[in-house]
């Protein structure tokens, strides 16, 4: 989850819209289930 949080923060700092769906996708792909 840390990377997803970092992505969220980076998007906020850059004032770019960060789609929750994209973050979820990235988080799911990074965490082996």
PDB file of N, CA and C in Angstrom:
ATOM      1  N   UNK A   1       0.804  -1.227   0.000  1.00  0.00           N
ATOM      2  CA  UNK A   1       0.000   0.000   0.000  1.00  0.00           C
ATOM      3  C   UNK A   1       0.843   1.287   0.000  1.00  0.00           C
ATOM      4  N   UNK A   2       2.067   1.236   0.517  1.00  0.00           N
ATOM      5  CA  UNK A   2       2.857   2.473   0.564  1.00  0.00           C
ATOM      6  C   UNK A   2       3.033   3.113  -0.802  1.00  0.00           C
ATOM      7  N   UNK A   3       3.201   2.276  -1.827  1.00  0.00           N
ATOM      8  CA  UNK A   3       3.440   2.838  -3.158  1.00  0.00           C
ATOM      9  C   UNK A   3       2.176   3.513  -3.686  1.00  0.00           C
ATOM     10  N   UNK A   4       1.037   2.897  -3.411  1.00  0.00           N
ATOM     11  CA  UNK A   4      -0.230   3.495  -3.848  1.00  0.00           C
ATOM     12  C   UNK A   4      -0.433   4.839  -3.158  1.00  0.00           C
ATOM     13  N   UNK A   5      -0.107   4.884  -1.875  1.00  0.00           N
ATOM     14  CA  UNK A   5      -0.239   6.140  -1.126  1.00  0.00           C
ATOM     15  C   UNK A   5       0.700   7.193  -1.701  1.00  0.00           C
ATOM     16  N   UNK A   6       1.903   6.757  -2.063  1.00  0.00           N
ATOM     17  CA  UNK A   6       2.876   7.682  -2.642  1.00  0.00           C
ATOM     18  C   UNK A   6       2.360   8.226  -3.969  1.00  0.00           C
ATOM     19  N   UNK A   7       1.733   7.350  -4.747  1.00  0.00           N
ATOM     20  CA  UNK A   7       1.177   7.776  -6.035  1.00  0.00           C
ATOM     21  C   UNK A   7       0.082   8.810  -5.810  1.00  0.00           C
ATOM     22  N   UNK A   8      -0.755   8.554  -4.809  1.00  0.00           N
ATOM     23  CA  UNK A   8      -1.833   9.486  -4.482  1.00  0.00           C
ATOM     24  C   UNK A   8      -1.243  10.840  -4.089  1.00  0.00           C
ATOM     25  N   UNK A   9      -0.248  10.806  -3.203  1.00  0.00           N
ATOM     26  CA  UNK A   9       0.365  12.053  -2.737  1.00  0.00           C
ATOM     27  C   UNK A   9       1.029  12.797  -3.880  1.00  0.00           C
ATOM     28  N   UNK A  10       1.718  12.050  -4.747  1.00  0.00           N
ATOM     29  CA  UNK A  10       2.408  12.679  -5.870  1.00  0.00           C
ATOM     30  C   UNK A  10       1.385  13.372  -6.770  1.00  0.00           C
ATOM     31  N   UNK A  11       0.256  12.718  -6.991  1.00  0.00           N
ATOM     32  CA  UNK A  11      -0.786  13.309  -7.823  1.00  0.00           C
ATOM     33  C   UNK A  11      -1.326  14.584  -7.196  1.00  0.00           C
ATOM     34  N   UNK A  12      -1.478  14.561  -5.864  1.00  0.00           N
ATOM     35  CA  UNK A  12      -1.996  15.741  -5.170  1.00  0.00           C
ATOM     36  C   UNK A  12      -0.993  16.884  -5.259  1.00  0.00           C
ATOM     37  N   UNK A  13       0.290  16.559  -5.070  1.00  0.00           N
ATOM     38  CA  UNK A  13       1.320  17.595  -5.093  1.00  0.00           C
ATOM     39  C   UNK A  13       1.460  18.192  -6.494  1.00  0.00           C
ATOM     40  N   UNK A  14       1.268  17.361  -7.501  1.00  0.00           N
ATOM     41  CA  UNK A  14       1.405  17.849  -8.876  1.00  0.00           C
ATOM     42  C   UNK A  14       0.090  18.440  -9.381  1.00  0.00           C
ATOM     43  N   UNK A  15      -0.932  18.409  -8.520  1.00  0.00           N
ATOM     44  CA  UNK A  15      -2.257  18.938  -8.871  1.00  0.00           C
ATOM     45  C   UNK A  15      -2.803  18.243 -10.110  1.00  0.00           C
ATOM     46  N   UNK A  16      -2.532  16.958 -10.212  1.00  0.00           N
ATOM     47  CA  UNK A  16      -3.073  16.193 -11.338  1.00  0.00           C
ATOM     48  C   UNK A  16      -4.148  15.260 -10.800  1.00  0.00           C
ATOM     49  N   UNK A  17      -5.202  15.074 -11.549  1.00  0.00           N
ATOM     50  CA  UNK A  17      -6.251  14.152 -11.120  1.00  0.00           C
ATOM     51  C   UNK A  17      -5.725  12.726 -11.076  1.00  0.00           C
ATOM     52  N   UNK A  18      -5.854  12.086  -9.927  1.00  0.00           N
ATOM     53  CA  UNK A  18      -5.399  10.705  -9.789  1.00  0.00           C
ATOM     54  C   UNK A  18      -6.618   9.809  -9.684  1.00  0.00           C
ATOM     55  N   UNK A  19      -6.785   8.940 -10.659  1.00  0.00           N
ATOM     56  CA  UNK A  19      -7.959   8.078 -10.661  1.00  0.00           C
ATOM     57  C   UNK A  19      -7.790   6.941  -9.670  1.00  0.00           C
ATOM     58  N   UNK A  20      -8.740   6.805  -8.737  1.00  0.00           N
ATOM     59  CA  UNK A  20      -8.682   5.733  -7.738  1.00  0.00           C
ATOM     60  C   UNK A  20      -8.606   4.372  -8.407  1.00  0.00           C
ATOM     61  N   UNK A  21      -9.254   4.246  -9.560  1.00  0.00           N
ATOM     62  CA  UNK A  21      -9.254   2.965 -10.274  1.00  0.00           C
ATOM     63  C   UNK A  21      -7.835   2.606 -10.703  1.00  0.00           C
ATOM     64  N   UNK A  22      -7.094   3.595 -11.181  1.00  0.00           N
ATOM     65  CA  UNK A  22      -5.714   3.353 -11.619  1.00  0.00           C
ATOM     66  C   UNK A  22      -4.848   2.943 -10.432  1.00  0.00           C
ATOM     67  N   UNK A  23      -5.062   3.612  -9.295  1.00  0.00           N
ATOM     68  CA  UNK A  23      -4.287   3.274  -8.094  1.00  0.00           C
ATOM     69  C   UNK A  23      -4.613   1.862  -7.641  1.00  0.00           C
ATOM     70  N   UNK A  24      -5.905   1.534  -7.657  1.00  0.00           N
ATOM     71  CA  UNK A  24      -6.318   0.189  -7.242  1.00  0.00           C
ATOM     72  C   UNK A  24      -5.691  -0.847  -8.154  1.00  0.00           C
ATOM     73  N   UNK A  25      -5.712  -0.559  -9.453  1.00  0.00           N
ATOM     74  CA  UNK A  25      -5.139  -1.501 -10.430  1.00  0.00           C
ATOM     75  C   UNK A  25      -3.655  -1.712 -10.146  1.00  0.00           C
ATOM     76  N   UNK A  26      -2.943  -0.612  -9.928  1.00  0.00           N
ATOM     77  CA  UNK A  26      -1.504  -0.683  -9.674  1.00  0.00           C
ATOM     78  C   UNK A  26      -1.246  -1.434  -8.369  1.00  0.00           C
ATOM     79  N   UNK A  27      -2.057  -1.143  -7.350  1.00  0.00           N
ATOM     80  CA  UNK A  27      -1.866  -1.782  -6.044  1.00  0.00           C
ATOM     81  C   UNK A  27      -2.102  -3.285  -6.163  1.00  0.00           C
ATOM     82  N   UNK A  28      -3.163  -3.658  -6.885  1.00  0.00           N
ATOM     83  CA  UNK A  28      -3.481  -5.085  -7.050  1.00  0.00           C
ATOM     84  C   UNK A  28      -2.366  -5.784  -7.821  1.00  0.00           C
ATOM     85  N   UNK A  29      -1.827  -5.103  -8.820  1.00  0.00           N
ATOM     86  CA  UNK A  29      -0.789  -5.732  -9.649  1.00  0.00           C
ATOM     87  C   UNK A  29       0.519  -5.857  -8.874  1.00  0.00           C
ATOM     88  N   UNK A  30       0.725  -4.993  -7.872  1.00  0.00           N
ATOM     89  CA  UNK A  30       1.979  -5.037  -7.119  1.00  0.00           C
ATOM     90  C   UNK A  30       1.911  -5.997  -5.938  1.00  0.00           C
ATOM     91  N   UNK A  31       0.693  -6.264  -5.454  1.00  0.00           N
ATOM     92  CA  UNK A  31       0.559  -7.146  -4.290  1.00  0.00           C
ATOM     93  C   UNK A  31       0.122  -8.531  -4.740  1.00  0.00           C
ATOM     94  N   UNK A  32       1.000  -9.514  -4.593  1.00  0.00           N
ATOM     95  CA  UNK A  32       0.638 -10.888  -4.974  1.00  0.00           C
ATOM     96  C   UNK A  32      -0.479 -11.411  -4.087  1.00  0.00           C
ATOM     97  N   UNK A  33      -1.545 -11.898  -4.710  1.00  0.00           N
ATOM     98  CA  UNK A  33      -2.678 -12.362  -3.912  1.00  0.00           C
ATOM     99  C   UNK A  33      -2.613 -13.861  -3.725  1.00  0.00           C
TER     100      UNK A  33
END
